[in-house]
Structure formats: C-alpha cells, structure tokens
C-alpha cells in the first residue's frame, strides 16, 4: 500500500498557476461577451422604444389629418421654416366644431382639444377664423389635454397641400429620425 502512494505525483506549482490563469481568462472573456451582449440588447431596446413612440404619434396624427375637413394653421412651405404646432378641425367631433392642436412642449408632444367661442355666447362653438360684430377673433378654451409622445427632440410641420411631419426622438443619447407626409382631405 505504501508503494501505491509513493508512485503518485501531485500537481506542480507551475501547473496550478497555469490552471488558475486559464480559468481567470475564460471567466474574463465570458464576462466581456455577456456585457457586450447586454449593451447591444439595451441599445436595440432604446431604438425600438423610440420607433414605437414615434409610430404611435405619426399614426394618430396622419389618420386625423386625412379625415379633417379643415387645417387652421398656415404651414410654411419648406422644411427650413417648419413649425412645431398645428391646429385642425377634430375629425371625431365635426358637428361640435372642436379642434385638435398638436404641439411640442419640452420633450413631449401634447394634443389639446380646443373649442372657440365668443364671450357673448360662450355655449356656441365657432370656427377660429370667425369674427364678431366688432371684428374680434373668438376666444379659445382647452377642453382636453393629453401627452401623446415622450422623448421628443424636435417636431416640425411644413408643406402646402402635402403636410410633412419631421420628428426626432432622443432616448439615452440614441436619436431616431422619422419623417412622413400626408394629404389633408381639404387642406387649403
């Protein structure tokens, strides 16, 4: 039995150090790969969030612009002069003469539902271009306000018969640029 243990050799110091070094290298490589995968996944998630956020807004406003009978805002013709605010007759409330206003407020796109009226008859809604007997424009009252989109860097509207919508979103320093055009039904 003594001979059995006498012929067995243990690991040398060099073998142990080599084993620990290789194990550490494999663990370091595995950590770096998982870290890169996590960062890549996070970047993809941010871009997807931007795209979804922008798509919700663009789908909503293009549908409404296609159906509206009247765009109140006079838009600049070129993208160099684009504005970040548009008002048009709300296509869901044509009989009530309500108007929708989309505008950029900080980093949020806000939609307001507005009613225009004259002080002598506040219960009667009128067009924003009407004038009273003294040639005064109507007053406006915001009936509803909701946030449509977040993380917005810029918003721009321009165009004559074809309304162009230029949108840039920014989340975690990842900028997503979206652009679309829509013909308003009766845009003048």
N, C-alpha and C. Protein backbone atom coordinates (compact mmCIF):
# COMPACT_ATOMS: atom_id res chain seq x y z
N UNK A 1 0.81 -1.17 0.00
CA UNK A 1 0.00 0.00 0.00
C UNK A 1 0.86 1.25 0.00
N UNK A 2 1.99 1.18 0.63
CA UNK A 2 2.90 2.33 0.65
C UNK A 2 3.41 2.60 -0.76
N UNK A 3 3.68 1.58 -1.55
CA UNK A 3 4.14 1.77 -2.92
C UNK A 3 3.08 2.47 -3.78
N UNK A 4 1.84 2.21 -3.45
CA UNK A 4 0.76 2.81 -4.22
C UNK A 4 0.80 4.34 -4.11
N UNK A 5 1.02 4.87 -2.94
CA UNK A 5 1.07 6.31 -2.75
C UNK A 5 2.41 6.89 -3.17
N UNK A 6 3.43 6.12 -3.13
CA UNK A 6 4.78 6.60 -3.43
C UNK A 6 4.92 6.94 -4.91
N UNK A 7 4.24 6.25 -5.80
CA UNK A 7 4.37 6.48 -7.23
C UNK A 7 3.42 7.59 -7.74
N UNK A 8 2.50 8.03 -6.93
CA UNK A 8 1.58 9.08 -7.38
C UNK A 8 2.23 10.44 -7.18
N UNK A 9 2.08 11.24 -8.24
CA UNK A 9 2.67 12.59 -8.17
C UNK A 9 1.55 13.62 -8.03
N UNK A 10 1.75 14.72 -7.38
CA UNK A 10 0.79 15.80 -7.28
C UNK A 10 1.02 16.81 -8.40
N UNK A 11 0.29 17.86 -8.35
CA UNK A 11 0.45 18.92 -9.35
C UNK A 11 1.62 19.80 -8.95
N UNK A 12 2.32 20.26 -9.95
CA UNK A 12 3.42 21.18 -9.68
C UNK A 12 2.86 22.58 -9.52
N UNK A 13 3.63 23.45 -8.96
CA UNK A 13 3.23 24.84 -8.77
C UNK A 13 2.93 25.50 -10.12
N UNK A 14 3.72 25.18 -11.13
CA UNK A 14 3.53 25.74 -12.46
C UNK A 14 2.19 25.30 -13.06
N UNK A 15 1.80 24.05 -12.85
CA UNK A 15 0.53 23.55 -13.36
C UNK A 15 -0.65 24.24 -12.68
N UNK A 16 -0.56 24.44 -11.39
CA UNK A 16 -1.62 25.10 -10.64
C UNK A 16 -1.78 26.55 -11.09
N UNK A 17 -0.66 27.26 -11.22
CA UNK A 17 -0.70 28.66 -11.67
C UNK A 17 -1.27 28.75 -13.08
N UNK A 18 -0.87 27.84 -13.96
CA UNK A 18 -1.39 27.82 -15.34
C UNK A 18 -2.90 27.58 -15.34
N UNK A 19 -3.35 26.63 -14.51
CA UNK A 19 -4.78 26.33 -14.43
C UNK A 19 -5.57 27.54 -13.94
N UNK A 20 -5.11 28.21 -12.92
CA UNK A 20 -5.79 29.39 -12.37
C UNK A 20 -5.81 30.51 -13.41
N UNK A 21 -4.70 30.70 -14.12
CA UNK A 21 -4.63 31.73 -15.16
C UNK A 21 -5.60 31.47 -16.29
N UNK A 22 -5.66 30.23 -16.77
CA UNK A 22 -6.59 29.88 -17.85
C UNK A 22 -8.05 30.04 -17.40
N UNK A 23 -8.34 29.62 -16.19
CA UNK A 23 -9.70 29.76 -15.66
C UNK A 23 -10.08 31.24 -15.57
N UNK A 24 -9.18 32.07 -15.07
CA UNK A 24 -9.44 33.50 -14.96
C UNK A 24 -9.66 34.12 -16.34
N UNK A 25 -8.87 33.73 -17.32
CA UNK A 25 -9.01 34.24 -18.68
C UNK A 25 -10.36 33.84 -19.28
N UNK A 26 -10.76 32.61 -19.09
CA UNK A 26 -12.06 32.14 -19.60
C UNK A 26 -13.20 32.90 -18.93
N UNK A 27 -13.12 33.10 -17.63
CA UNK A 27 -14.16 33.85 -16.91
C UNK A 27 -14.21 35.30 -17.38
N UNK A 28 -13.06 35.93 -17.59
CA UNK A 28 -13.00 37.31 -18.07
C UNK A 28 -13.61 37.43 -19.46
N UNK A 29 -13.29 36.51 -20.35
CA UNK A 29 -13.86 36.52 -21.70
C UNK A 29 -15.37 36.32 -21.66
N UNK A 30 -15.84 35.41 -20.84
CA UNK A 30 -17.27 35.16 -20.71
C UNK A 30 -17.99 36.40 -20.18
N UNK A 31 -17.41 37.08 -19.20
CA UNK A 31 -17.99 38.30 -18.65
C UNK A 31 -18.06 39.39 -19.72
N UNK A 32 -16.99 39.57 -20.47
CA UNK A 32 -16.97 40.61 -21.51
C UNK A 32 -17.99 40.33 -22.60
N UNK A 33 -18.13 39.09 -22.98
CA UNK A 33 -19.11 38.73 -24.01
C UNK A 33 -20.52 39.00 -23.50
N UNK A 34 -20.81 38.63 -22.26
CA UNK A 34 -22.15 38.88 -21.72
C UNK A 34 -22.41 40.38 -21.55
N UNK A 35 -21.38 41.14 -21.20
CA UNK A 35 -21.52 42.59 -21.07
C UNK A 35 -21.82 43.22 -22.44
N UNK A 36 -21.10 42.82 -23.47
CA UNK A 36 -21.34 43.33 -24.82
C UNK A 36 -22.74 42.96 -25.31
N UNK A 37 -23.16 41.76 -25.04
CA UNK A 37 -24.50 41.32 -25.43
C UNK A 37 -25.56 42.15 -24.73
N UNK A 38 -25.36 42.41 -23.46
CA UNK A 38 -26.31 43.21 -22.69
C UNK A 38 -26.39 44.64 -23.23
N UNK A 39 -25.24 45.25 -23.53
CA UNK A 39 -25.22 46.61 -24.07
C UNK A 39 -25.90 46.64 -25.44
N UNK A 40 -25.61 45.69 -26.26
CA UNK A 40 -26.22 45.63 -27.60
C UNK A 40 -27.73 45.49 -27.49
N UNK A 41 -28.18 44.65 -26.59
CA UNK A 41 -29.60 44.45 -26.38
C UNK A 41 -30.25 45.73 -25.87
N UNK A 42 -29.58 46.44 -24.97
CA UNK A 42 -30.10 47.69 -24.43
C UNK A 42 -30.20 48.74 -25.52
N UNK A 43 -29.18 48.86 -26.38
CA UNK A 43 -29.22 49.83 -27.48
C UNK A 43 -30.37 49.51 -28.43
N UNK A 44 -30.56 48.25 -28.74
CA UNK A 44 -31.66 47.85 -29.60
C UNK A 44 -33.00 48.16 -28.97
N UNK A 45 -33.10 47.98 -27.67
CA UNK A 45 -34.32 48.27 -26.94
C UNK A 45 -34.64 49.77 -26.97
N UNK A 46 -33.63 50.61 -26.82
CA UNK A 46 -33.83 52.06 -26.85
C UNK A 46 -34.31 52.50 -28.23
N UNK A 47 -33.70 51.97 -29.27
CA UNK A 47 -34.10 52.32 -30.63
C UNK A 47 -35.52 51.84 -30.90
N UNK A 48 -35.85 50.65 -30.44
CA UNK A 48 -37.21 50.12 -30.60
C UNK A 48 -38.21 51.00 -29.85
N UNK A 49 -37.87 51.43 -28.65
CA UNK A 49 -38.75 52.33 -27.88
C UNK A 49 -38.99 53.62 -28.65
N UNK A 50 -37.92 54.20 -29.21
CA UNK A 50 -38.05 55.43 -30.00
C UNK A 50 -38.97 55.21 -31.19
N UNK A 51 -38.77 54.11 -31.90
CA UNK A 51 -39.59 53.82 -33.08
C UNK A 51 -41.06 53.63 -32.71
N UNK A 52 -41.33 52.90 -31.65
CA UNK A 52 -42.72 52.68 -31.22
C UNK A 52 -43.36 53.98 -30.78
N UNK A 53 -42.62 54.78 -30.02
CA UNK A 53 -43.11 56.06 -29.53
C UNK A 53 -43.45 56.98 -30.70
N UNK A 54 -42.56 57.05 -31.68
CA UNK A 54 -42.79 57.90 -32.84
C UNK A 54 -43.93 57.37 -33.71
N UNK A 55 -44.00 56.06 -33.86
CA UNK A 55 -45.03 55.46 -34.71
C UNK A 55 -46.43 55.72 -34.15
N UNK A 56 -46.58 55.66 -32.84
CA UNK A 56 -47.88 55.93 -32.22
C UNK A 56 -48.34 57.34 -32.57
N UNK A 57 -47.44 58.32 -32.42
CA UNK A 57 -47.79 59.71 -32.74
C UNK A 57 -48.09 59.87 -34.23
N UNK A 58 -47.20 59.36 -35.09
CA UNK A 58 -47.39 59.55 -36.53
C UNK A 58 -48.66 58.87 -37.03
N UNK A 59 -48.97 57.68 -36.53
CA UNK A 59 -50.21 57.01 -36.92
C UNK A 59 -51.43 57.83 -36.53
N UNK A 60 -51.41 58.35 -35.32
CA UNK A 60 -52.54 59.12 -34.80
C UNK A 60 -52.76 60.41 -35.60
N UNK A 61 -51.70 61.18 -35.79
CA UNK A 61 -51.87 62.47 -36.45
C UNK A 61 -52.13 62.33 -37.94
N UNK A 62 -51.51 61.35 -38.61
CA UNK A 62 -51.77 61.19 -40.04
C UNK A 62 -53.20 60.74 -40.29
N UNK A 63 -53.73 59.88 -39.43
CA UNK A 63 -55.13 59.47 -39.57
C UNK A 63 -56.05 60.67 -39.40
N UNK A 64 -55.81 61.47 -38.41
CA UNK A 64 -56.66 62.64 -38.16
C UNK A 64 -56.53 63.67 -39.27
N UNK A 65 -55.32 63.89 -39.77
CA UNK A 65 -55.15 64.87 -40.85
C UNK A 65 -55.82 64.41 -42.14
N UNK A 66 -55.82 63.11 -42.40
CA UNK A 66 -56.50 62.60 -43.60
C UNK A 66 -58.01 62.83 -43.53
N UNK A 67 -58.56 62.82 -42.33
CA UNK A 67 -60.00 62.92 -42.15
C UNK A 67 -60.50 64.33 -41.86
N UNK A 68 -59.61 65.23 -41.47
CA UNK A 68 -60.07 66.56 -41.10
C UNK A 68 -60.57 67.35 -42.31
N UNK A 69 -61.64 68.07 -42.14
CA UNK A 69 -62.10 68.91 -43.24
C UNK A 69 -61.38 70.26 -43.33
N UNK A 70 -60.65 70.61 -42.27
CA UNK A 70 -60.08 71.96 -42.27
C UNK A 70 -58.81 72.03 -41.41
N UNK A 71 -57.72 72.49 -42.00
CA UNK A 71 -56.48 72.75 -41.26
C UNK A 71 -56.42 74.25 -41.01
N UNK A 72 -56.40 74.64 -39.75
CA UNK A 72 -56.41 76.05 -39.37
C UNK A 72 -55.03 76.67 -39.57
N UNK A 73 -54.00 75.98 -39.15
CA UNK A 73 -52.63 76.51 -39.19
C UNK A 73 -52.16 76.68 -40.63
N UNK A 74 -51.63 77.84 -40.92
CA UNK A 74 -50.99 78.07 -42.21
C UNK A 74 -49.54 77.63 -42.07
N UNK A 75 -49.19 76.57 -42.78
CA UNK A 75 -47.87 75.97 -42.63
C UNK A 75 -46.87 76.61 -43.58
N UNK A 76 -45.61 76.71 -43.14
CA UNK A 76 -44.57 77.19 -44.05
C UNK A 76 -44.37 76.17 -45.18
N UNK A 77 -43.87 76.65 -46.31
CA UNK A 77 -43.73 75.79 -47.47
C UNK A 77 -42.52 74.87 -47.39
N UNK A 78 -41.46 75.28 -46.71
CA UNK A 78 -40.22 74.50 -46.72
C UNK A 78 -39.85 74.02 -45.32
N UNK A 79 -39.00 73.01 -45.30
CA UNK A 79 -38.54 72.44 -44.04
C UNK A 79 -37.65 73.37 -43.25
N UNK A 80 -37.04 74.36 -43.91
CA UNK A 80 -36.18 75.31 -43.19
C UNK A 80 -37.00 76.20 -42.27
N UNK A 81 -38.29 76.36 -42.58
CA UNK A 81 -39.15 77.25 -41.79
C UNK A 81 -40.18 76.48 -40.97
N UNK A 82 -40.02 75.16 -40.84
CA UNK A 82 -41.04 74.34 -40.20
C UNK A 82 -41.39 74.84 -38.80
N UNK A 83 -42.63 74.55 -38.42
CA UNK A 83 -43.13 74.95 -37.11
C UNK A 83 -43.49 73.71 -36.30
N UNK A 84 -43.56 73.85 -34.98
CA UNK A 84 -43.80 72.69 -34.12
C UNK A 84 -45.21 72.68 -33.53
N UNK A 85 -46.16 73.26 -34.25
CA UNK A 85 -47.51 73.41 -33.75
C UNK A 85 -48.48 73.34 -34.93
N UNK A 86 -49.55 72.57 -34.81
CA UNK A 86 -50.56 72.51 -35.87
C UNK A 86 -51.94 72.40 -35.24
N UNK A 87 -52.90 73.12 -35.84
CA UNK A 87 -54.29 73.09 -35.38
C UNK A 87 -55.17 72.74 -36.57
N UNK A 88 -56.11 71.82 -36.35
CA UNK A 88 -57.04 71.44 -37.40
C UNK A 88 -58.35 70.99 -36.76
N UNK A 89 -59.40 70.99 -37.57
CA UNK A 89 -60.71 70.58 -37.05
C UNK A 89 -60.66 69.11 -36.68
N UNK A 90 -61.14 68.80 -35.51
CA UNK A 90 -61.12 67.43 -34.99
C UNK A 90 -62.09 66.58 -35.81
N UNK A 91 -61.57 65.58 -36.52
CA UNK A 91 -62.45 64.77 -37.37
C UNK A 91 -63.43 63.91 -36.59
N UNK A 92 -63.19 63.70 -35.31
CA UNK A 92 -64.11 62.91 -34.49
C UNK A 92 -65.27 63.73 -33.95
N UNK A 93 -65.15 65.05 -34.04
CA UNK A 93 -66.18 65.94 -33.49
C UNK A 93 -66.60 66.98 -34.51
N UNK A 94 -66.92 66.58 -35.71
CA UNK A 94 -67.24 67.54 -36.77
C UNK A 94 -68.48 68.36 -36.47
N UNK A 95 -69.47 67.79 -35.85
CA UNK A 95 -70.70 68.52 -35.56
C UNK A 95 -70.53 69.50 -34.39
N UNK A 96 -69.56 69.26 -33.53
CA UNK A 96 -69.37 70.10 -32.35
C UNK A 96 -68.38 71.24 -32.57
N UNK A 97 -67.77 71.32 -33.74
CA UNK A 97 -66.75 72.33 -34.04
C UNK A 97 -65.64 72.34 -32.99
N UNK A 98 -65.07 71.18 -32.75
CA UNK A 98 -63.89 71.09 -31.87
C UNK A 98 -62.66 71.00 -32.75
N UNK A 99 -61.55 71.46 -32.21
CA UNK A 99 -60.30 71.49 -32.96
C UNK A 99 -59.21 70.78 -32.18
N UNK A 100 -58.30 70.17 -32.91
CA UNK A 100 -57.16 69.48 -32.30
C UNK A 100 -55.92 70.33 -32.51
N UNK A 101 -55.14 70.42 -31.47
CA UNK A 101 -53.86 71.11 -31.55
C UNK A 101 -52.78 70.15 -31.08
N UNK A 102 -51.80 69.90 -31.93
CA UNK A 102 -50.62 69.11 -31.57
C UNK A 102 -49.46 70.08 -31.49
N UNK A 103 -48.70 69.99 -30.40
CA UNK A 103 -47.55 70.88 -30.27
C UNK A 103 -46.48 70.23 -29.40
N UNK A 104 -45.27 70.74 -29.54
CA UNK A 104 -44.13 70.26 -28.77
C UNK A 104 -44.02 71.09 -27.50
N UNK A 105 -44.03 70.41 -26.35
CA UNK A 105 -43.90 71.07 -25.06
C UNK A 105 -42.73 70.42 -24.33
N UNK A 106 -41.57 71.04 -24.41
CA UNK A 106 -40.36 70.43 -23.85
C UNK A 106 -39.97 69.24 -24.69
N UNK A 107 -40.03 68.05 -24.09
CA UNK A 107 -39.72 66.82 -24.82
C UNK A 107 -40.97 65.95 -25.01
N UNK A 108 -42.13 66.59 -24.94
CA UNK A 108 -43.39 65.86 -25.07
C UNK A 108 -44.23 66.46 -26.19
N UNK A 109 -44.91 65.58 -26.92
CA UNK A 109 -45.91 66.05 -27.86
C UNK A 109 -47.25 65.99 -27.14
N UNK A 110 -47.94 67.11 -27.14
CA UNK A 110 -49.20 67.24 -26.43
C UNK A 110 -50.32 67.47 -27.45
N UNK A 111 -51.45 66.84 -27.20
CA UNK A 111 -52.65 67.07 -28.02
C UNK A 111 -53.68 67.75 -27.14
N UNK A 112 -54.18 68.88 -27.64
CA UNK A 112 -55.25 69.59 -26.96
C UNK A 112 -56.51 69.51 -27.83
N UNK A 113 -57.66 69.42 -27.17
CA UNK A 113 -58.94 69.58 -27.85
C UNK A 113 -59.44 70.96 -27.46
N UNK A 114 -59.68 71.80 -28.47
CA UNK A 114 -59.99 73.21 -28.25
C UNK A 114 -61.36 73.54 -28.83
N UNK A 115 -62.06 74.43 -28.14
CA UNK A 115 -63.32 74.98 -28.63
C UNK A 115 -63.15 76.50 -28.69
N UNK A 116 -63.59 77.09 -29.79
CA UNK A 116 -63.56 78.55 -29.96
C UNK A 116 -64.97 79.08 -29.76
N UNK A 117 -65.07 80.28 -29.14
CA UNK A 117 -66.38 80.86 -28.83
C UNK A 117 -66.25 82.37 -28.70
N UNK A 118 -67.38 83.04 -28.74
CA UNK A 118 -67.42 84.49 -28.48
C UNK A 118 -67.97 84.70 -27.08
N UNK A 119 -67.46 85.70 -26.35
CA UNK A 119 -67.89 85.92 -24.97
C UNK A 119 -69.39 86.17 -24.82
N UNK A 120 -70.04 86.72 -25.82
CA UNK A 120 -71.47 87.00 -25.68
C UNK A 120 -72.31 85.71 -25.76
N UNK A 121 -71.76 84.65 -26.39
CA UNK A 121 -72.45 83.35 -26.47
C UNK A 121 -71.43 82.23 -26.26
N UNK A 122 -70.97 82.04 -25.04
CA UNK A 122 -69.90 81.05 -24.80
C UNK A 122 -70.33 79.60 -25.02
N UNK A 123 -71.62 79.34 -25.05
CA UNK A 123 -72.09 77.97 -25.24
C UNK A 123 -72.11 77.55 -26.71
N UNK A 124 -71.90 78.49 -27.62
CA UNK A 124 -71.92 78.19 -29.06
C UNK A 124 -70.49 78.16 -29.58
N UNK A 125 -70.10 77.01 -30.12
CA UNK A 125 -68.76 76.86 -30.70
C UNK A 125 -68.75 77.46 -32.09
N UNK A 126 -67.63 78.12 -32.41
CA UNK A 126 -67.47 78.77 -33.72
C UNK A 126 -66.13 78.37 -34.32
N UNK A 127 -65.94 78.72 -35.56
CA UNK A 127 -64.67 78.49 -36.25
C UNK A 127 -63.64 79.49 -35.74
N UNK A 128 -62.37 79.12 -35.68
CA UNK A 128 -61.35 80.06 -35.19
C UNK A 128 -61.14 81.26 -36.12
N UNK A 129 -61.63 81.19 -37.34
CA UNK A 129 -61.47 82.29 -38.29
C UNK A 129 -62.64 83.26 -38.30
N UNK A 130 -63.69 82.94 -37.55
CA UNK A 130 -64.85 83.84 -37.50
C UNK A 130 -64.50 85.10 -36.72
N UNK A 131 -65.30 86.14 -36.96
CA UNK A 131 -65.14 87.41 -36.26
C UNK A 131 -66.50 87.83 -35.71
N UNK A 132 -66.49 88.54 -34.58
CA UNK A 132 -67.75 89.05 -34.04
C UNK A 132 -68.10 90.38 -34.73
N UNK A 133 -69.13 91.06 -34.25
CA UNK A 133 -69.59 92.32 -34.86
C UNK A 133 -68.51 93.39 -34.84
N UNK A 134 -67.60 93.32 -33.88
CA UNK A 134 -66.54 94.32 -33.78
C UNK A 134 -65.23 93.83 -34.40
N UNK A 135 -65.32 92.76 -35.19
CA UNK A 135 -64.18 92.17 -35.91
C UNK A 135 -63.13 91.56 -34.97
N UNK A 136 -63.55 91.12 -33.79
CA UNK A 136 -62.66 90.46 -32.85
C UNK A 136 -62.66 88.95 -33.10
N UNK A 137 -61.51 88.32 -32.96
CA UNK A 137 -61.47 86.86 -33.11
C UNK A 137 -62.10 86.17 -31.90
N UNK A 138 -62.48 84.93 -32.04
CA UNK A 138 -63.08 84.23 -30.90
C UNK A 138 -62.03 83.88 -29.84
N UNK A 139 -62.51 83.62 -28.65
CA UNK A 139 -61.66 83.13 -27.58
C UNK A 139 -61.56 81.61 -27.70
N UNK A 140 -60.56 81.04 -27.06
CA UNK A 140 -60.42 79.59 -27.11
C UNK A 140 -60.42 79.01 -25.69
N UNK A 141 -60.91 77.78 -25.60
CA UNK A 141 -60.93 77.08 -24.33
C UNK A 141 -60.46 75.65 -24.57
N UNK A 142 -59.49 75.22 -23.79
CA UNK A 142 -58.97 73.85 -23.89
C UNK A 142 -59.91 72.93 -23.13
N UNK A 143 -60.49 71.97 -23.86
CA UNK A 143 -61.42 71.02 -23.26
C UNK A 143 -60.70 69.78 -22.72
N UNK A 144 -59.62 69.41 -23.39
CA UNK A 144 -58.90 68.20 -23.00
C UNK A 144 -57.44 68.36 -23.43
N UNK A 145 -56.56 67.72 -22.66
CA UNK A 145 -55.13 67.76 -22.99
C UNK A 145 -54.53 66.41 -22.63
N UNK A 146 -53.76 65.84 -23.55
CA UNK A 146 -53.12 64.55 -23.28
C UNK A 146 -51.74 64.52 -23.91
N UNK A 147 -50.84 63.80 -23.25
CA UNK A 147 -49.50 63.61 -23.77
C UNK A 147 -49.54 62.43 -24.74
N UNK A 148 -49.05 62.66 -25.95
CA UNK A 148 -49.09 61.64 -27.00
C UNK A 148 -47.76 60.92 -27.12
N UNK A 149 -46.66 61.65 -26.93
CA UNK A 149 -45.34 61.06 -27.15
C UNK A 149 -44.32 61.72 -26.22
N UNK A 150 -43.32 60.93 -25.81
CA UNK A 150 -42.25 61.41 -24.94
C UNK A 150 -40.91 61.31 -25.65
N UNK A 151 -39.89 61.88 -25.03
CA UNK A 151 -38.51 61.82 -25.51
C UNK A 151 -38.36 62.42 -26.90
N UNK A 152 -39.09 63.49 -27.17
CA UNK A 152 -39.06 64.12 -28.49
C UNK A 152 -37.99 65.22 -28.48
N UNK A 153 -37.13 65.16 -29.46
CA UNK A 153 -36.08 66.17 -29.61
C UNK A 153 -36.59 67.34 -30.44
N UNK A 154 -37.16 67.05 -31.62
CA UNK A 154 -37.73 68.09 -32.47
C UNK A 154 -39.00 67.58 -33.14
N UNK A 155 -39.88 68.51 -33.46
CA UNK A 155 -41.10 68.23 -34.20
C UNK A 155 -41.30 69.38 -35.17
N UNK A 156 -41.57 69.06 -36.42
CA UNK A 156 -41.75 70.11 -37.41
C UNK A 156 -42.84 69.77 -38.41
N UNK A 157 -43.67 70.77 -38.72
CA UNK A 157 -44.72 70.65 -39.73
C UNK A 157 -44.43 71.68 -40.82
N UNK A 158 -44.59 71.27 -42.07
CA UNK A 158 -44.48 72.21 -43.18
C UNK A 158 -45.11 71.60 -44.42
N UNK A 159 -45.35 72.44 -45.41
CA UNK A 159 -45.90 71.98 -46.68
C UNK A 159 -47.20 72.68 -47.02
N UNK A 160 -47.55 72.63 -48.28
CA UNK A 160 -48.78 73.27 -48.74
C UNK A 160 -49.91 72.25 -48.73
N UNK A 161 -50.16 71.61 -49.84
CA UNK A 161 -51.23 70.60 -49.90
C UNK A 161 -50.79 69.29 -49.25
N UNK A 162 -49.52 69.00 -49.34
CA UNK A 162 -48.94 67.82 -48.71
C UNK A 162 -48.29 68.27 -47.39
N UNK A 163 -48.80 67.78 -46.29
CA UNK A 163 -48.26 68.18 -44.98
C UNK A 163 -47.14 67.22 -44.61
N UNK A 164 -45.97 67.78 -44.38
CA UNK A 164 -44.79 66.99 -43.99
C UNK A 164 -44.62 67.07 -42.49
N UNK A 165 -44.33 65.93 -41.90
CA UNK A 165 -44.13 65.85 -40.45
C UNK A 165 -42.74 65.28 -40.22
N UNK A 166 -41.89 66.06 -39.57
CA UNK A 166 -40.50 65.70 -39.31
C UNK A 166 -40.33 65.54 -37.80
N UNK A 167 -39.91 64.36 -37.37
CA UNK A 167 -39.87 64.04 -35.95
C UNK A 167 -38.52 63.42 -35.59
N UNK A 168 -37.91 63.93 -34.52
CA UNK A 168 -36.69 63.32 -33.99
C UNK A 168 -36.93 62.99 -32.52
N UNK A 169 -36.60 61.75 -32.16
CA UNK A 169 -36.74 61.30 -30.78
C UNK A 169 -35.36 61.01 -30.22
N UNK A 170 -35.20 61.22 -28.92
CA UNK A 170 -33.90 61.02 -28.28
C UNK A 170 -34.12 60.34 -26.93
N UNK A 171 -33.56 59.15 -26.82
CA UNK A 171 -33.60 58.44 -25.54
C UNK A 171 -32.21 57.85 -25.31
N UNK A 172 -31.64 58.14 -24.16
CA UNK A 172 -30.29 57.66 -23.81
C UNK A 172 -29.27 58.00 -24.90
N UNK A 173 -29.38 59.21 -25.44
CA UNK A 173 -28.49 59.71 -26.49
C UNK A 173 -28.54 58.90 -27.78
N UNK A 174 -29.60 58.16 -27.98
CA UNK A 174 -29.84 57.45 -29.24
C UNK A 174 -30.94 58.22 -29.97
N UNK A 175 -30.58 58.86 -31.08
CA UNK A 175 -31.52 59.69 -31.83
C UNK A 175 -32.13 58.88 -32.96
N UNK A 176 -33.45 58.94 -33.05
CA UNK A 176 -34.19 58.28 -34.12
C UNK A 176 -34.94 59.35 -34.90
N UNK A 177 -34.73 59.40 -36.20
CA UNK A 177 -35.35 60.40 -37.06
C UNK A 177 -36.45 59.74 -37.89
N UNK A 178 -37.67 60.26 -37.76
CA UNK A 178 -38.81 59.75 -38.51
C UNK A 178 -39.41 60.89 -39.33
N UNK A 179 -39.90 60.54 -40.50
CA UNK A 179 -40.47 61.55 -41.40
C UNK A 179 -41.63 60.91 -42.16
N UNK A 180 -42.71 61.67 -42.32
CA UNK A 180 -43.82 61.20 -43.14
C UNK A 180 -44.52 62.40 -43.76
N UNK A 181 -45.32 62.13 -44.77
CA UNK A 181 -46.12 63.15 -45.44
C UNK A 181 -47.54 62.65 -45.55
N UNK A 182 -48.48 63.57 -45.51
CA UNK A 182 -49.89 63.19 -45.59
C UNK A 182 -50.67 64.29 -46.32
N UNK A 183 -51.61 63.88 -47.15
CA UNK A 183 -52.52 64.81 -47.78
C UNK A 183 -53.70 65.01 -46.85
N UNK A 184 -53.92 66.24 -46.41
CA UNK A 184 -55.13 66.53 -45.65
C UNK A 184 -56.29 66.57 -46.63
N UNK A 185 -57.44 66.13 -46.21
CA UNK A 185 -58.60 65.98 -47.10
C UNK A 185 -58.94 67.27 -47.82
N UNK A 186 -59.06 68.34 -47.07
CA UNK A 186 -59.47 69.63 -47.68
C UNK A 186 -58.50 70.74 -47.32
N UNK A 187 -57.25 70.43 -47.24
CA UNK A 187 -56.26 71.46 -46.88
C UNK A 187 -56.21 72.54 -47.96
N UNK A 188 -56.32 73.78 -47.51
CA UNK A 188 -56.32 74.90 -48.47
C UNK A 188 -54.96 75.51 -48.59
